[in-house]
Protein backbone atom coordinates (compact mmCIF):
# COMPACT_ATOMS: atom_id res chain seq x y z
CA UNK A 1 144.89 -3.86 71.54
CA UNK A 2 142.90 -0.74 70.88
CA UNK A 3 141.25 0.54 74.06
CA UNK A 4 137.51 0.88 73.99
CA UNK A 5 135.94 4.31 74.21
CA UNK A 6 135.83 5.69 77.67
CA UNK A 7 133.18 4.08 79.78
CA UNK A 8 132.34 1.26 77.38
CA UNK A 9 134.70 -1.30 78.91
CA UNK A 10 134.15 -0.29 82.56
CA UNK A 11 133.03 -3.14 84.79
CA UNK A 12 129.74 -2.60 86.63
CA UNK A 13 130.12 -1.41 90.20
CA UNK A 14 129.76 -4.20 92.71
CA UNK A 15 126.29 -4.45 94.15
CA UNK A 16 126.06 -3.30 97.75
CA UNK A 17 124.30 -5.58 100.22
CA UNK A 18 121.68 -2.87 100.68
CA UNK A 19 120.86 -3.04 96.99
CA UNK A 20 120.34 -6.78 96.96
CA UNK A 21 116.73 -7.99 96.78
CA UNK A 22 115.43 -9.28 100.08
CA UNK A 23 115.59 -13.02 100.16
CA UNK A 24 112.96 -14.56 102.39
CA UNK A 25 114.16 -17.64 104.17
CA UNK A 26 111.21 -20.01 104.41
CA UNK A 27 112.73 -21.67 107.41
CA UNK A 28 112.74 -18.39 109.34
CA UNK A 29 109.09 -17.77 108.53
CA UNK A 30 108.15 -21.31 109.52
CA UNK A 31 110.06 -20.95 112.79
CA UNK A 32 108.27 -17.70 113.55
CA UNK A 33 104.89 -19.22 112.77
CA UNK A 34 105.67 -22.23 114.96
CA UNK A 35 106.75 -19.96 117.80
CA UNK A 36 103.55 -17.92 117.54
CA UNK A 37 101.41 -21.09 117.50
CA UNK A 38 103.21 -22.36 120.58
CA UNK A 39 102.68 -19.04 122.36
CA UNK A 40 98.95 -19.13 121.52
CA UNK A 41 98.76 -22.69 122.85
CA UNK A 42 100.52 -21.68 126.07
CA UNK A 43 98.16 -18.75 126.57
CA UNK A 44 95.09 -20.89 125.92
CA UNK A 45 96.27 -23.43 128.48
CA UNK A 46 97.10 -20.70 130.99
CA UNK A 47 93.73 -19.04 130.47
CA UNK A 48 91.99 -22.31 131.23
CA UNK A 49 93.98 -22.98 134.40
CA UNK A 50 93.72 -19.44 135.75
CA UNK A 51 89.97 -19.43 135.09
CA UNK A 52 89.52 -22.72 136.94
CA UNK A 53 91.89 -22.23 139.88
CA UNK A 54 92.31 -18.49 140.14
CA UNK A 55 95.59 -16.62 140.08
CA UNK A 56 96.66 -17.49 143.61
CA UNK A 57 95.58 -21.10 143.25
CA UNK A 58 97.64 -21.65 140.11
CA UNK A 59 101.28 -22.70 140.32
CA UNK A 60 103.86 -22.63 137.58
CA UNK A 61 103.75 -26.43 137.53
CA UNK A 62 99.99 -26.30 136.90
CA UNK A 63 100.66 -24.20 133.81
CA UNK A 64 103.37 -26.55 132.58
CA UNK A 65 101.15 -29.59 133.08
CA UNK A 66 98.16 -28.07 131.30
CA UNK A 67 100.27 -26.85 128.37
CA UNK A 68 102.33 -30.08 128.28
CA UNK A 69 105.60 -28.23 128.00
CA UNK A 70 108.86 -28.27 129.92
CA UNK A 71 109.91 -25.42 132.18
CA UNK A 72 112.59 -24.34 129.69
CA UNK A 73 110.02 -24.03 126.90
CA UNK A 74 107.75 -21.94 129.10
CA UNK A 75 110.58 -19.55 129.94
CA UNK A 76 111.23 -18.98 126.24
CA UNK A 77 107.92 -17.13 126.17
CA UNK A 78 107.28 -15.83 129.71
CA UNK A 79 109.72 -15.11 132.50
CA UNK A 80 107.21 -15.80 135.28
CA UNK A 81 103.67 -16.88 136.15
CA UNK A 82 102.87 -13.19 136.59
CA UNK A 83 104.04 -12.33 133.08
CA UNK A 84 101.94 -15.15 131.66
CA UNK A 85 98.84 -13.95 133.53
CA UNK A 86 99.50 -10.41 132.31
CA UNK A 87 99.55 -11.68 128.72
CA UNK A 88 96.26 -13.53 129.31
CA UNK A 89 94.64 -10.31 130.57
CA UNK A 90 96.02 -8.30 127.65
CA UNK A 91 94.48 -10.80 125.23
CA UNK A 92 91.17 -10.60 127.08
CA UNK A 93 91.16 -6.81 126.77
CA UNK A 94 91.80 -7.14 123.02
CA UNK A 95 88.84 -9.51 122.72
CA UNK A 96 86.58 -7.08 124.58
CA UNK A 97 87.77 -4.18 122.42
CA UNK A 98 87.11 -6.16 119.25
CA UNK A 99 83.49 -6.65 120.36
CA UNK A 100 82.82 -2.91 120.26
CA UNK A 101 81.90 -1.42 116.89
CA UNK A 102 82.00 2.35 116.22
CA UNK A 103 78.62 4.04 116.41
CA UNK A 104 77.48 5.37 113.04
CA UNK A 105 74.98 8.19 113.57
CA UNK A 106 74.14 8.15 109.85
CA UNK A 107 73.22 4.47 109.75
CA UNK A 108 69.66 3.18 109.45
CA UNK A 109 70.05 1.52 112.87
CA UNK A 110 69.52 4.11 115.65
CA UNK A 111 72.61 4.86 117.80
CA UNK A 112 70.84 3.49 120.89
CA UNK A 113 70.35 0.13 119.20
CA UNK A 114 73.99 0.11 118.09
CA UNK A 115 75.07 0.75 121.68
CA UNK A 116 72.85 -2.06 122.93
CA UNK A 117 74.38 -4.39 120.33
CA UNK A 118 77.86 -3.40 121.52
CA UNK A 119 76.92 -4.15 125.12
CA UNK A 120 75.40 -7.49 124.15
CA UNK A 121 78.64 -8.51 122.43
CA UNK A 122 80.71 -7.42 125.43
CA UNK A 123 78.43 -9.39 127.77
CA UNK A 124 78.70 -12.39 125.43
CA UNK A 125 82.51 -12.27 125.67
CA UNK A 126 82.35 -12.10 129.47
CA UNK A 127 79.79 -14.90 129.68
CA UNK A 128 81.73 -17.12 127.27
CA UNK A 129 84.85 -16.73 129.42
CA UNK A 130 82.97 -16.80 132.72
CA UNK A 131 85.84 -18.36 134.67
CA UNK A 132 88.24 -15.58 133.82
CA UNK A 133 85.53 -12.96 134.34
CA UNK A 134 84.83 -14.34 137.83
CA UNK A 135 88.54 -14.22 138.63
CA UNK A 136 88.70 -10.56 137.61
CA UNK A 137 85.57 -9.62 139.54
CA UNK A 138 85.70 -11.82 142.62
CA UNK A 139 89.27 -12.78 143.47
CA UNK A 140 90.34 -10.88 146.57
CA UNK A 141 92.61 -7.89 146.23
CA UNK A 142 94.92 -6.38 148.78
CA UNK A 143 97.02 -9.37 149.83
CA UNK A 144 99.28 -9.64 146.79
CA UNK A 145 100.73 -6.41 145.32
CA UNK A 146 101.75 -8.13 142.08
CA UNK A 147 98.23 -9.46 141.49
CA UNK A 148 96.71 -6.11 142.42
CA UNK A 149 98.97 -4.37 139.92
CA UNK A 150 97.86 -6.71 137.15
CA UNK A 151 94.18 -6.09 137.88
CA UNK A 152 94.75 -2.35 138.09
CA UNK A 153 96.43 -2.48 134.69
CA UNK A 154 93.44 -4.44 133.32
CA UNK A 155 91.01 -1.87 134.73
CA UNK A 156 93.09 0.97 133.27
CA UNK A 157 92.96 -0.61 129.80
CA UNK A 158 89.19 -1.07 129.98
CA UNK A 159 88.72 2.44 131.36
CA UNK A 160 90.78 3.70 128.45
CA UNK A 161 88.42 2.46 125.79
CA UNK A 162 85.31 3.39 127.81
CA UNK A 163 86.68 6.93 128.04
CA UNK A 164 87.44 6.80 124.33
CA UNK A 165 83.82 5.80 123.61
CA UNK A 166 82.51 8.64 125.77
CA UNK A 167 84.84 11.08 124.04
CA UNK A 168 83.54 9.97 120.65
CA UNK A 169 79.96 10.24 121.93
CA UNK A 170 80.62 13.80 123.07
CA UNK A 171 82.06 14.71 119.68
CA UNK A 172 79.03 13.23 117.92
CA UNK A 173 76.63 15.09 120.19
CA UNK A 174 75.35 11.90 121.83
CA UNK A 175 76.97 12.49 125.24
CA UNK A 176 76.82 15.79 127.08
CA UNK A 177 80.11 17.32 128.27
CA UNK A 178 81.18 15.82 131.58
CA UNK A 179 84.13 14.63 133.63
CA UNK A 180 85.09 11.75 131.36
CA UNK A 181 87.45 10.13 133.87
CA UNK A 182 84.73 9.90 136.52
CA UNK A 183 81.99 8.87 134.13
CA UNK A 184 84.18 6.11 132.67
CA UNK A 185 84.77 4.84 136.23
CA UNK A 186 81.01 4.85 136.91
CA UNK A 187 80.29 2.96 133.70
CA UNK A 188 82.93 0.34 134.49
CA UNK A 189 81.56 -0.10 138.01
CA UNK A 190 78.02 -0.55 136.71
CA UNK A 191 79.20 -3.03 134.09
CA UNK A 192 81.15 -5.07 136.63
CA UNK A 193 78.26 -5.31 139.05
CA UNK A 194 75.74 -6.05 136.30
CA UNK A 195 77.90 -8.92 135.06
CA UNK A 196 78.58 -10.18 138.59
CA UNK A 197 74.93 -10.22 139.65
CA UNK A 198 73.05 -11.11 136.48
CA UNK A 199 75.40 -13.30 134.43
CA UNK A 200 77.94 -14.81 136.83
CA UNK A 201 76.07 -14.86 140.14
CA UNK A 202 74.16 -17.69 141.76
CA UNK A 203 70.79 -16.14 140.98
CA UNK A 204 68.85 -17.04 137.87
CA UNK A 205 70.59 -15.82 134.75
CA UNK A 206 69.08 -12.87 132.93
CA UNK A 207 68.97 -12.69 129.13
CA UNK A 208 71.93 -10.73 127.78
CA UNK A 209 69.67 -8.51 125.69
CA UNK A 210 67.66 -7.50 128.75
CA UNK A 211 70.78 -6.80 130.79
CA UNK A 212 72.25 -4.72 127.95
CA UNK A 213 69.07 -2.64 127.57
CA UNK A 214 68.70 -1.94 131.29
CA UNK A 215 72.39 -1.18 131.75
CA UNK A 216 72.41 1.25 128.84
CA UNK A 217 69.20 2.97 129.96
CA UNK A 218 70.56 3.35 133.48
CA UNK A 219 73.83 4.72 132.18
CA UNK A 220 72.13 7.19 129.85
CA UNK A 221 69.13 8.25 131.92
CA UNK A 222 69.65 7.20 135.53
CA UNK A 223 66.50 6.24 137.42
CA UNK A 224 64.30 9.36 137.24
CA UNK A 225 61.48 9.70 134.73
CA UNK A 226 61.79 12.22 131.93
CA UNK A 227 59.01 14.28 133.55
CA UNK A 228 61.03 14.95 136.70
CA UNK A 229 62.76 18.30 136.77
CA UNK A 230 65.33 18.91 139.51
């Protein structure tokens, strides 16, 4: 048998696993989707129980009963009641952050009106989840270090995006240079008390739009008239 010219009868090199096209296993994707749906269901149930009973008034069994899952299933997602509550708070922060739109100084809508709209959306989130908001604002601190740590982490996350907003405002020329850390703390304190007294308190509720306007005006201008010079 006459040999073929060099290279013409060479067998192709075996394909390396790295060269193989990725094969998506539908079962894996379905399992992941199911797991994520179950986690969302667990968090929704936990959010409801924590909002109704508070952190200290909620037991692990309360969470299991509300979610209708066994203890083993719960531990596949969270290793403790504390971890579950932390995940609830993280989701709440994400919802608040999603309510805030960037201010566009070139838009037809004045920046002040955009800021008021942002505040109205934030207040709407807090009012819609009033039980959880009351827990964050009113549940006593100081007796449970784990609970205190969770609330401090929540405050730090919120302070982070308030500071980010102030930083952006400074860059756009809307906010004068200042101590951003302190100002963010002042804004958070004003927001908390405004929500506590006007939306979640026992007194007559105030319209969100009115609360947003007054809160923004106080934050931007304080209480003195423009004519006062100090």
